[in-house]
């Protein structure tokens, strides 16, 4: 078998390819063969015509820095994804501490959608509010049926009596989390839209650092995707999480175009 030299793509082209893959995956997630054929065809023919953003697609991202959580009481943080003055969901935190007959502490954090809206959960029935990683799909595939009106994010109970006996329990996906994503399904003028809220959390407290939504009705959104189709991690833009996820699924784009035996693949060949 003849050995072929692998020539790396320039950085600019590689970024264009990565961004196209992200857009194509979002719209052809249910047909990976079609997606693969499209990429191979475009690379094999040497055409970059397909590597342009989808017309009209827009993600509106809003950075923020808001926190909730106070001692011995409730606190609520409304989140207005499309900034129309109407909250689409609330984060609700509760903390209670008592030293009567020992030590007793209870803390909880919950996401509650406004009527008609929903949050992404680990399951549709009795699941916790899902804490997505950057790049996970919100609104398509297997997650489409996992939305519910509310969900527990994190809960912690600590009890110690005067005799030294103690009890400690925790529950939820938002225990000591940093920059994870809460998926949201909400309505704008009667049409379904998807969005996310980036939150660092623990039982009884949370810090909201940003949120975004897709302006096209019924179109899924990637957790962390912003208006420029990059992934946002904290305040630093990063494509690495999405790039790594796509490589795990489709492999290296250059290898995909060459084929297993080093031959460039053309359509119907």
C-alpha atoms as a PDB file:
ATOM      1  CA  UNK A   1       0.000   0.000   0.000  1.00  0.00           C
ATOM      2  CA  UNK A   2       1.351   3.383  -0.977  1.00  0.00           C
ATOM      3  CA  UNK A   3       2.082   5.744   1.880  1.00  0.00           C
ATOM      4  CA  UNK A   4       0.593   9.205   1.452  1.00  0.00           C
ATOM      5  CA  UNK A   5       1.849  12.386   3.061  1.00  0.00           C
ATOM      6  CA  UNK A   6      -0.604  14.060   5.430  1.00  0.00           C
ATOM      7  CA  UNK A   7      -0.694  17.832   4.971  1.00  0.00           C
ATOM      8  CA  UNK A   8      -2.262  19.768   7.890  1.00  0.00           C
ATOM      9  CA  UNK A   9      -4.870  22.391   7.121  1.00  0.00           C
ATOM     10  CA  UNK A  10      -4.155  26.032   7.837  1.00  0.00           C
ATOM     11  CA  UNK A  11      -5.613  27.355  11.084  1.00  0.00           C
ATOM     12  CA  UNK A  12      -8.200  29.598   9.377  1.00  0.00           C
ATOM     13  CA  UNK A  13      -9.549  26.774   7.203  1.00  0.00           C
ATOM     14  CA  UNK A  14      -9.523  24.337  10.111  1.00  0.00           C
ATOM     15  CA  UNK A  15     -11.685  26.730  12.140  1.00  0.00           C
ATOM     16  CA  UNK A  16     -14.096  27.143   9.219  1.00  0.00           C
ATOM     17  CA  UNK A  17     -14.387  23.374   8.962  1.00  0.00           C
ATOM     18  CA  UNK A  18     -14.995  23.003  12.687  1.00  0.00           C
ATOM     19  CA  UNK A  19     -17.747  25.614  12.692  1.00  0.00           C
ATOM     20  CA  UNK A  20     -19.437  24.087   9.656  1.00  0.00           C
ATOM     21  CA  UNK A  21     -19.383  20.672  11.312  1.00  0.00           C
ATOM     22  CA  UNK A  22     -21.113  22.156  14.376  1.00  0.00           C
ATOM     23  CA  UNK A  23     -23.855  23.726  12.263  1.00  0.00           C
ATOM     24  CA  UNK A  24     -24.294  20.650  10.089  1.00  0.00           C
ATOM     25  CA  UNK A  25     -24.486  18.329  13.081  1.00  0.00           C
ATOM     26  CA  UNK A  26     -27.245  20.415  14.645  1.00  0.00           C
ATOM     27  CA  UNK A  27     -29.417  20.117  11.540  1.00  0.00           C
ATOM     28  CA  UNK A  28     -28.568  16.545  10.477  1.00  0.00           C
ATOM     29  CA  UNK A  29     -28.158  14.885  13.857  1.00  0.00           C
ATOM     30  CA  UNK A  30     -30.705  12.211  12.975  1.00  0.00           C
ATOM     31  CA  UNK A  31     -28.861  11.332   9.745  1.00  0.00           C
ATOM     32  CA  UNK A  32     -25.120  10.929  10.395  1.00  0.00           C
ATOM     33  CA  UNK A  33     -24.576   9.248   7.013  1.00  0.00           C
ATOM     34  CA  UNK A  34     -25.929  12.301   5.220  1.00  0.00           C
ATOM     35  CA  UNK A  35     -23.700  14.528   7.349  1.00  0.00           C
ATOM     36  CA  UNK A  36     -20.586  12.451   6.596  1.00  0.00           C
ATOM     37  CA  UNK A  37     -21.354  12.370   2.873  1.00  0.00           C
ATOM     38  CA  UNK A  38     -21.768  16.145   2.832  1.00  0.00           C
ATOM     39  CA  UNK A  39     -18.390  16.758   4.493  1.00  0.00           C
ATOM     40  CA  UNK A  40     -16.591  14.219   2.289  1.00  0.00           C
ATOM     41  CA  UNK A  41     -18.178  15.656  -0.848  1.00  0.00           C
ATOM     42  CA  UNK A  42     -17.191  19.220   0.002  1.00  0.00           C
ATOM     43  CA  UNK A  43     -13.612  18.251   0.868  1.00  0.00           C
ATOM     44  CA  UNK A  44     -13.198  15.901  -2.084  1.00  0.00           C
ATOM     45  CA  UNK A  45     -14.354  18.507  -4.587  1.00  0.00           C
ATOM     46  CA  UNK A  46     -12.235  21.181  -2.963  1.00  0.00           C
ATOM     47  CA  UNK A  47     -15.230  23.424  -2.515  1.00  0.00           C
ATOM     48  CA  UNK A  48     -15.746  25.784   0.401  1.00  0.00           C
ATOM     49  CA  UNK A  49     -19.204  26.872  -0.728  1.00  0.00           C
ATOM     50  CA  UNK A  50     -20.822  24.782   1.991  1.00  0.00           C
ATOM     51  CA  UNK A  51     -18.745  26.335   4.764  1.00  0.00           C
ATOM     52  CA  UNK A  52     -20.866  29.421   5.249  1.00  0.00           C
ATOM     53  CA  UNK A  53     -23.200  30.163   8.194  1.00  0.00           C
ATOM     54  CA  UNK A  54     -26.845  29.177   7.823  1.00  0.00           C
ATOM     55  CA  UNK A  55     -28.762  32.224   6.622  1.00  0.00           C
ATOM     56  CA  UNK A  56     -30.863  33.834   9.305  1.00  0.00           C
ATOM     57  CA  UNK A  57     -29.467  31.715  12.143  1.00  0.00           C
ATOM     58  CA  UNK A  58     -28.800  33.812  15.226  1.00  0.00           C
ATOM     59  CA  UNK A  59     -28.099  33.076  18.867  1.00  0.00           C
ATOM     60  CA  UNK A  60     -28.599  35.955  21.274  1.00  0.00           C
ATOM     61  CA  UNK A  61     -26.198  35.768  24.224  1.00  0.00           C
ATOM     62  CA  UNK A  62     -26.433  37.895  27.372  1.00  0.00           C
ATOM     63  CA  UNK A  63     -23.530  37.972  29.853  1.00  0.00           C
ATOM     64  CA  UNK A  64     -24.405  38.667  33.488  1.00  0.00           C
ATOM     65  CA  UNK A  65     -23.238  38.100  37.053  1.00  0.00           C
ATOM     66  CA  UNK A  66     -26.076  37.466  39.504  1.00  0.00           C
ATOM     67  CA  UNK A  67     -26.138  35.373  42.671  1.00  0.00           C
ATOM     68  CA  UNK A  68     -28.705  33.995  45.097  1.00  0.00           C
ATOM     69  CA  UNK A  69     -28.501  32.282  48.464  1.00  0.00           C
ATOM     70  CA  UNK A  70     -28.967  33.734  51.927  1.00  0.00           C
ATOM     71  CA  UNK A  71     -28.776  32.276  55.392  1.00  0.00           C
ATOM     72  CA  UNK A  72     -32.016  31.015  56.956  1.00  0.00           C
ATOM     73  CA  UNK A  73     -34.339  32.046  54.191  1.00  0.00           C
ATOM     74  CA  UNK A  74     -35.576  31.797  50.622  1.00  0.00           C
ATOM     75  CA  UNK A  75     -34.167  33.695  47.658  1.00  0.00           C
ATOM     76  CA  UNK A  76     -35.244  33.747  44.026  1.00  0.00           C
ATOM     77  CA  UNK A  77     -33.451  34.688  40.815  1.00  0.00           C
ATOM     78  CA  UNK A  78     -35.620  35.286  37.703  1.00  0.00           C
ATOM     79  CA  UNK A  79     -34.047  34.569  34.295  1.00  0.00           C
ATOM     80  CA  UNK A  80     -35.375  36.364  31.207  1.00  0.00           C
ATOM     81  CA  UNK A  81     -33.718  34.564  28.281  1.00  0.00           C
ATOM     82  CA  UNK A  82     -34.932  36.890  25.514  1.00  0.00           C
ATOM     83  CA  UNK A  83     -34.870  40.069  27.624  1.00  0.00           C
ATOM     84  CA  UNK A  84     -38.488  40.958  26.943  1.00  0.00           C
ATOM     85  CA  UNK A  85     -39.172  41.917  30.550  1.00  0.00           C
ATOM     86  CA  UNK A  86     -40.923  38.624  31.363  1.00  0.00           C
ATOM     87  CA  UNK A  87     -39.019  35.970  33.333  1.00  0.00           C
ATOM     88  CA  UNK A  88     -38.935  32.584  31.598  1.00  0.00           C
ATOM     89  CA  UNK A  89     -37.868  30.650  34.704  1.00  0.00           C
ATOM     90  CA  UNK A  90     -36.765  31.157  38.296  1.00  0.00           C
ATOM     91  CA  UNK A  91     -33.959  29.711  40.359  1.00  0.00           C
ATOM     92  CA  UNK A  92     -35.149  29.184  43.930  1.00  0.00           C
ATOM     93  CA  UNK A  93     -32.695  28.730  46.817  1.00  0.00           C
ATOM     94  CA  UNK A  94     -33.367  27.871  50.454  1.00  0.00           C
ATOM     95  CA  UNK A  95     -31.012  27.639  53.441  1.00  0.00           C
ATOM     96  CA  UNK A  96     -31.801  26.728  57.043  1.00  0.00           C
ATOM     97  CA  UNK A  97     -29.431  26.218  59.978  1.00  0.00           C
ATOM     98  CA  UNK A  98     -30.280  25.457  63.602  1.00  0.00           C
ATOM     99  CA  UNK A  99     -28.153  24.662  66.667  1.00  0.00           C
ATOM    100  CA  UNK A 100     -31.076  23.490  68.776  1.00  0.00           C
ATOM    101  CA  UNK A 101     -30.355  19.998  70.178  1.00  0.00           C
ATOM    102  CA  UNK A 102     -27.299  19.584  67.986  1.00  0.00           C
ATOM    103  CA  UNK A 103     -26.590  20.910  64.525  1.00  0.00           C
ATOM    104  CA  UNK A 104     -29.116  20.884  61.699  1.00  0.00           C
ATOM    105  CA  UNK A 105     -28.582  22.279  58.215  1.00  0.00           C
ATOM    106  CA  UNK A 106     -30.737  22.012  55.107  1.00  0.00           C
ATOM    107  CA  UNK A 107     -30.046  23.641  51.741  1.00  0.00           C
ATOM    108  CA  UNK A 108     -31.708  23.297  48.368  1.00  0.00           C
ATOM    109  CA  UNK A 109     -31.650  24.800  44.893  1.00  0.00           C
ATOM    110  CA  UNK A 110     -34.437  24.329  42.353  1.00  0.00           C
ATOM    111  CA  UNK A 111     -35.245  25.480  38.810  1.00  0.00           C
ATOM    112  CA  UNK A 112     -38.887  26.362  38.164  1.00  0.00           C
ATOM    113  CA  UNK A 113     -40.107  27.294  34.680  1.00  0.00           C
ATOM    114  CA  UNK A 114     -42.911  29.770  34.138  1.00  0.00           C
ATOM    115  CA  UNK A 115     -46.256  28.267  32.995  1.00  0.00           C
ATOM    116  CA  UNK A 116     -45.900  26.935  29.457  1.00  0.00           C
ATOM    117  CA  UNK A 117     -42.105  26.745  29.658  1.00  0.00           C
ATOM    118  CA  UNK A 118     -39.906  23.804  30.679  1.00  0.00           C
ATOM    119  CA  UNK A 119     -36.390  22.974  31.866  1.00  0.00           C
ATOM    120  CA  UNK A 120     -34.222  20.077  30.718  1.00  0.00           C
ATOM    121  CA  UNK A 121     -34.166  17.229  33.238  1.00  0.00           C
ATOM    122  CA  UNK A 122     -32.414  13.888  33.580  1.00  0.00           C
ATOM    123  CA  UNK A 123     -35.766  12.246  32.809  1.00  0.00           C
ATOM    124  CA  UNK A 124     -39.292  13.416  31.994  1.00  0.00           C
ATOM    125  CA  UNK A 125     -40.964  11.960  35.085  1.00  0.00           C
ATOM    126  CA  UNK A 126     -38.954  12.310  38.285  1.00  0.00           C
ATOM    127  CA  UNK A 127     -35.560  13.487  37.055  1.00  0.00           C
ATOM    128  CA  UNK A 128     -33.292  16.159  38.478  1.00  0.00           C
ATOM    129  CA  UNK A 129     -32.573  19.349  36.556  1.00  0.00           C
ATOM    130  CA  UNK A 130     -29.821  18.365  34.109  1.00  0.00           C
ATOM    131  CA  UNK A 131     -26.398  20.005  34.447  1.00  0.00           C
ATOM    132  CA  UNK A 132     -25.144  19.946  30.852  1.00  0.00           C
ATOM    133  CA  UNK A 133     -21.529  20.237  29.783  1.00  0.00           C
ATOM    134  CA  UNK A 134     -20.493  22.617  26.966  1.00  0.00           C
ATOM    135  CA  UNK A 135     -21.479  21.341  23.538  1.00  0.00           C
ATOM    136  CA  UNK A 136     -24.382  19.125  24.576  1.00  0.00           C
ATOM    137  CA  UNK A 137     -27.496  19.408  22.430  1.00  0.00           C
ATOM    138  CA  UNK A 138     -30.601  21.101  23.867  1.00  0.00           C
ATOM    139  CA  UNK A 139     -33.858  20.449  22.051  1.00  0.00           C
ATOM    140  CA  UNK A 140     -33.152  17.503  19.744  1.00  0.00           C
ATOM    141  CA  UNK A 141     -32.522  13.779  19.671  1.00  0.00           C
ATOM    142  CA  UNK A 142     -32.877  11.828  22.893  1.00  0.00           C
ATOM    143  CA  UNK A 143     -33.197  14.939  25.074  1.00  0.00           C
ATOM    144  CA  UNK A 144     -36.373  16.167  23.330  1.00  0.00           C
ATOM    145  CA  UNK A 145     -38.606  14.200  25.715  1.00  0.00           C
ATOM    146  CA  UNK A 146     -36.749  15.136  28.891  1.00  0.00           C
ATOM    147  CA  UNK A 147     -38.265  18.540  29.521  1.00  0.00           C
ATOM    148  CA  UNK A 148     -40.428  19.191  32.587  1.00  0.00           C
ATOM    149  CA  UNK A 149     -41.917  22.147  34.446  1.00  0.00           C
ATOM    150  CA  UNK A 150     -39.422  22.135  37.324  1.00  0.00           C
ATOM    151  CA  UNK A 151     -36.532  20.172  38.721  1.00  0.00           C
ATOM    152  CA  UNK A 152     -34.315  19.872  41.779  1.00  0.00           C
ATOM    153  CA  UNK A 153     -30.804  21.092  41.060  1.00  0.00           C
ATOM    154  CA  UNK A 154     -29.101  20.309  44.384  1.00  0.00           C
ATOM    155  CA  UNK A 155     -30.069  19.408  47.933  1.00  0.00           C
ATOM    156  CA  UNK A 156     -28.065  18.767  51.101  1.00  0.00           C
ATOM    157  CA  UNK A 157     -29.118  17.711  54.615  1.00  0.00           C
ATOM    158  CA  UNK A 158     -26.778  17.550  57.627  1.00  0.00           C
ATOM    159  CA  UNK A 159     -28.021  16.584  61.096  1.00  0.00           C
ATOM    160  CA  UNK A 160     -26.011  15.940  64.257  1.00  0.00           C
ATOM    161  CA  UNK A 161     -27.685  15.271  67.598  1.00  0.00           C
ATOM    162  CA  UNK A 162     -26.321  15.941  71.066  1.00  0.00           C
ATOM    163  CA  UNK A 163     -25.133  12.353  71.428  1.00  0.00           C
ATOM    164  CA  UNK A 164     -22.753  12.501  68.482  1.00  0.00           C
ATOM    165  CA  UNK A 165     -24.901  10.681  65.922  1.00  0.00           C
ATOM    166  CA  UNK A 166     -24.981  12.327  62.518  1.00  0.00           C
ATOM    167  CA  UNK A 167     -26.748  12.056  59.192  1.00  0.00           C
ATOM    168  CA  UNK A 168     -25.690  13.572  55.873  1.00  0.00           C
ATOM    169  CA  UNK A 169     -27.321  13.234  52.448  1.00  0.00           C
ATOM    170  CA  UNK A 170     -26.988  14.969  49.084  1.00  0.00           C
ATOM    171  CA  UNK A 171     -28.895  14.813  45.809  1.00  0.00           C
ATOM    172  CA  UNK A 172     -28.929  16.473  42.394  1.00  0.00           C
ATOM    173  CA  UNK A 173     -26.550  17.120  39.501  1.00  0.00           C
ATOM    174  CA  UNK A 174     -25.575  20.630  40.612  1.00  0.00           C
ATOM    175  CA  UNK A 175     -23.411  19.732  43.619  1.00  0.00           C
ATOM    176  CA  UNK A 176     -20.279  21.913  43.576  1.00  0.00           C
ATOM    177  CA  UNK A 177     -20.625  22.629  39.857  1.00  0.00           C
ATOM    178  CA  UNK A 178     -18.722  25.269  37.877  1.00  0.00           C
ATOM    179  CA  UNK A 179     -20.059  26.748  34.623  1.00  0.00           C
ATOM    180  CA  UNK A 180     -22.600  24.055  33.747  1.00  0.00           C
ATOM    181  CA  UNK A 181     -25.642  24.626  31.546  1.00  0.00           C
ATOM    182  CA  UNK A 182     -29.361  24.449  32.307  1.00  0.00           C
ATOM    183  CA  UNK A 183     -31.387  23.802  29.150  1.00  0.00           C
ATOM    184  CA  UNK A 184     -34.669  25.665  28.707  1.00  0.00           C
ATOM    185  CA  UNK A 185     -37.643  25.237  26.358  1.00  0.00           C
ATOM    186  CA  UNK A 186     -39.766  28.383  26.280  1.00  0.00           C
ATOM    187  CA  UNK A 187     -42.312  30.240  24.205  1.00  0.00           C
ATOM    188  CA  UNK A 188     -42.030  33.450  22.169  1.00  0.00           C
ATOM    189  CA  UNK A 189     -45.285  34.584  20.534  1.00  0.00           C
ATOM    190  CA  UNK A 190     -46.626  31.048  20.759  1.00  0.00           C
ATOM    191  CA  UNK A 191     -43.568  29.404  19.143  1.00  0.00           C
ATOM    192  CA  UNK A 192     -41.082  27.078  20.852  1.00  0.00           C
ATOM    193  CA  UNK A 193     -37.512  28.279  21.327  1.00  0.00           C
ATOM    194  CA  UNK A 194     -34.530  26.704  23.095  1.00  0.00           C
ATOM    195  CA  UNK A 195     -31.942  28.326  25.293  1.00  0.00           C
ATOM    196  CA  UNK A 196     -29.498  27.802  28.139  1.00  0.00           C
ATOM    197  CA  UNK A 197     -28.378  29.416  31.387  1.00  0.00           C
ATOM    198  CA  UNK A 198     -24.751  29.072  32.553  1.00  0.00           C
ATOM    199  CA  UNK A 199     -24.651  28.506  36.301  1.00  0.00           C
ATOM    200  CA  UNK A 200     -22.165  27.639  39.018  1.00  0.00           C
ATOM    201  CA  UNK A 201     -24.050  26.111  41.936  1.00  0.00           C
ATOM    202  CA  UNK A 202     -24.217  24.269  45.218  1.00  0.00           C
ATOM    203  CA  UNK A 203     -27.141  23.401  47.484  1.00  0.00           C
ATOM    204  CA  UNK A 204     -28.672  26.690  48.627  1.00  0.00           C
ATOM    205  CA  UNK A 205     -26.768  29.056  46.327  1.00  0.00           C
ATOM    206  CA  UNK A 206     -26.070  29.775  42.670  1.00  0.00           C
ATOM    207  CA  UNK A 207     -24.223  32.216  40.443  1.00  0.00           C
ATOM    208  CA  UNK A 208     -25.625  32.979  36.978  1.00  0.00           C
ATOM    209  CA  UNK A 209     -22.921  34.195  34.562  1.00  0.00           C
ATOM    210  CA  UNK A 210     -24.736  34.185  31.229  1.00  0.00           C
ATOM    211  CA  UNK A 211     -27.649  32.943  29.170  1.00  0.00           C
ATOM    212  CA  UNK A 212     -28.596  32.592  25.503  1.00  0.00           C
ATOM    213  CA  UNK A 213     -31.380  31.458  23.195  1.00  0.00           C
ATOM    214  CA  UNK A 214     -31.881  30.497  19.549  1.00  0.00           C
ATOM    215  CA  UNK A 215     -34.005  33.015  17.649  1.00  0.00           C
ATOM    216  CA  UNK A 216     -35.231  30.441  15.114  1.00  0.00           C
ATOM    217  CA  UNK A 217     -38.289  28.605  16.401  1.00  0.00           C
ATOM    218  CA  UNK A 218     -37.896  24.863  17.103  1.00  0.00           C
ATOM    219  CA  UNK A 219     -34.165  24.953  16.307  1.00  0.00           C
ATOM    220  CA  UNK A 220     -31.938  23.187  18.881  1.00  0.00           C
ATOM    221  CA  UNK A 221     -29.040  24.987  20.533  1.00  0.00           C
ATOM    222  CA  UNK A 222     -25.708  23.707  21.839  1.00  0.00           C
ATOM    223  CA  UNK A 223     -25.029  24.299  25.515  1.00  0.00           C
ATOM    224  CA  UNK A 224     -22.616  27.215  25.656  1.00  0.00           C
ATOM    225  CA  UNK A 225     -23.107  28.358  22.050  1.00  0.00           C
ATOM    226  CA  UNK A 226     -23.093  32.142  21.614  1.00  0.00           C
ATOM    227  CA  UNK A 227     -23.902  34.495  18.771  1.00  0.00           C
ATOM    228  CA  UNK A 228     -20.617  33.685  16.982  1.00  0.00           C
ATOM    229  CA  UNK A 229     -21.172  29.900  17.204  1.00  0.00           C
ATOM    230  CA  UNK A 230     -18.324  29.474  19.639  1.00  0.00           C
ATOM    231  CA  UNK A 231     -18.530  27.788  23.009  1.00  0.00           C
ATOM    232  CA  UNK A 232     -18.365  30.031  26.036  1.00  0.00           C
ATOM    233  CA  UNK A 233     -16.615  28.791  29.167  1.00  0.00           C
ATOM    234  CA  UNK A 234     -16.881  31.374  31.929  1.00  0.00           C
ATOM    235  CA  UNK A 235     -15.781  34.593  30.226  1.00  0.00           C
ATOM    236  CA  UNK A 236     -13.317  32.969  27.782  1.00  0.00           C
ATOM    237  CA  UNK A 237     -14.486  31.813  24.355  1.00  0.00           C
ATOM    238  CA  UNK A 238     -13.442  28.218  23.649  1.00  0.00           C
ATOM    239  CA  UNK A 239     -14.073  25.819  20.774  1.00  0.00           C
ATOM    240  CA  UNK A 240     -12.080  22.965  22.295  1.00  0.00           C
ATOM    241  CA  UNK A 241     -14.993  21.224  24.021  1.00  0.00           C
ATOM    242  CA  UNK A 242     -17.096  21.124  20.851  1.00  0.00           C
ATOM    243  CA  UNK A 243     -14.110  20.200  18.684  1.00  0.00           C
ATOM    244  CA  UNK A 244     -13.188  17.286  20.954  1.00  0.00           C
ATOM    245  CA  UNK A 245     -16.782  16.034  21.019  1.00  0.00           C
ATOM    246  CA  UNK A 246     -16.999  16.097  17.226  1.00  0.00           C
ATOM    247  CA  UNK A 247     -13.655  14.331  16.867  1.00  0.00           C
ATOM    248  CA  UNK A 248     -14.862  11.545  19.149  1.00  0.00           C
ATOM    249  CA  UNK A 249     -17.898  11.077  16.927  1.00  0.00           C
ATOM    250  CA  UNK A 250     -16.502  11.654  13.419  1.00  0.00           C
ATOM    251  CA  UNK A 251     -12.726  11.488  13.813  1.00  0.00           C
ATOM    252  CA  UNK A 252     -10.230  13.776  12.126  1.00  0.00           C
ATOM    253  CA  UNK A 253     -11.725  15.660   9.160  1.00  0.00           C
ATOM    254  CA  UNK A 254      -8.618  15.082   7.050  1.00  0.00           C
ATOM    255  CA  UNK A 255      -8.780  11.335   7.672  1.00  0.00           C
ATOM    256  CA  UNK A 256     -12.494  11.401   6.915  1.00  0.00           C
ATOM    257  CA  UNK A 257     -11.851  12.958   3.499  1.00  0.00           C
ATOM    258  CA  UNK A 258      -8.965  10.583   2.652  1.00  0.00           C
ATOM    259  CA  UNK A 259     -10.793   7.419   3.654  1.00  0.00           C
ATOM    260  CA  UNK A 260      -9.381   4.408   5.482  1.00  0.00           C
ATOM    261  CA  UNK A 261      -6.928   3.508   2.668  1.00  0.00           C
ATOM    262  CA  UNK A 262      -5.743   7.054   1.989  1.00  0.00           C
ATOM    263  CA  UNK A 263      -7.909   7.526  -1.097  1.00  0.00           C
ATOM    264  CA  UNK A 264      -9.919  10.687  -1.502  1.00  0.00           C
ATOM    265  CA  UNK A 265     -13.613   9.728  -1.604  1.00  0.00           C
ATOM    266  CA  UNK A 266     -16.010  11.164  -4.140  1.00  0.00           C
ATOM    267  CA  UNK A 267     -19.824  10.891  -4.075  1.00  0.00           C
ATOM    268  CA  UNK A 268     -21.243   7.558  -5.361  1.00  0.00           C
ATOM    269  CA  UNK A 269     -17.805   5.977  -5.365  1.00  0.00           C
END
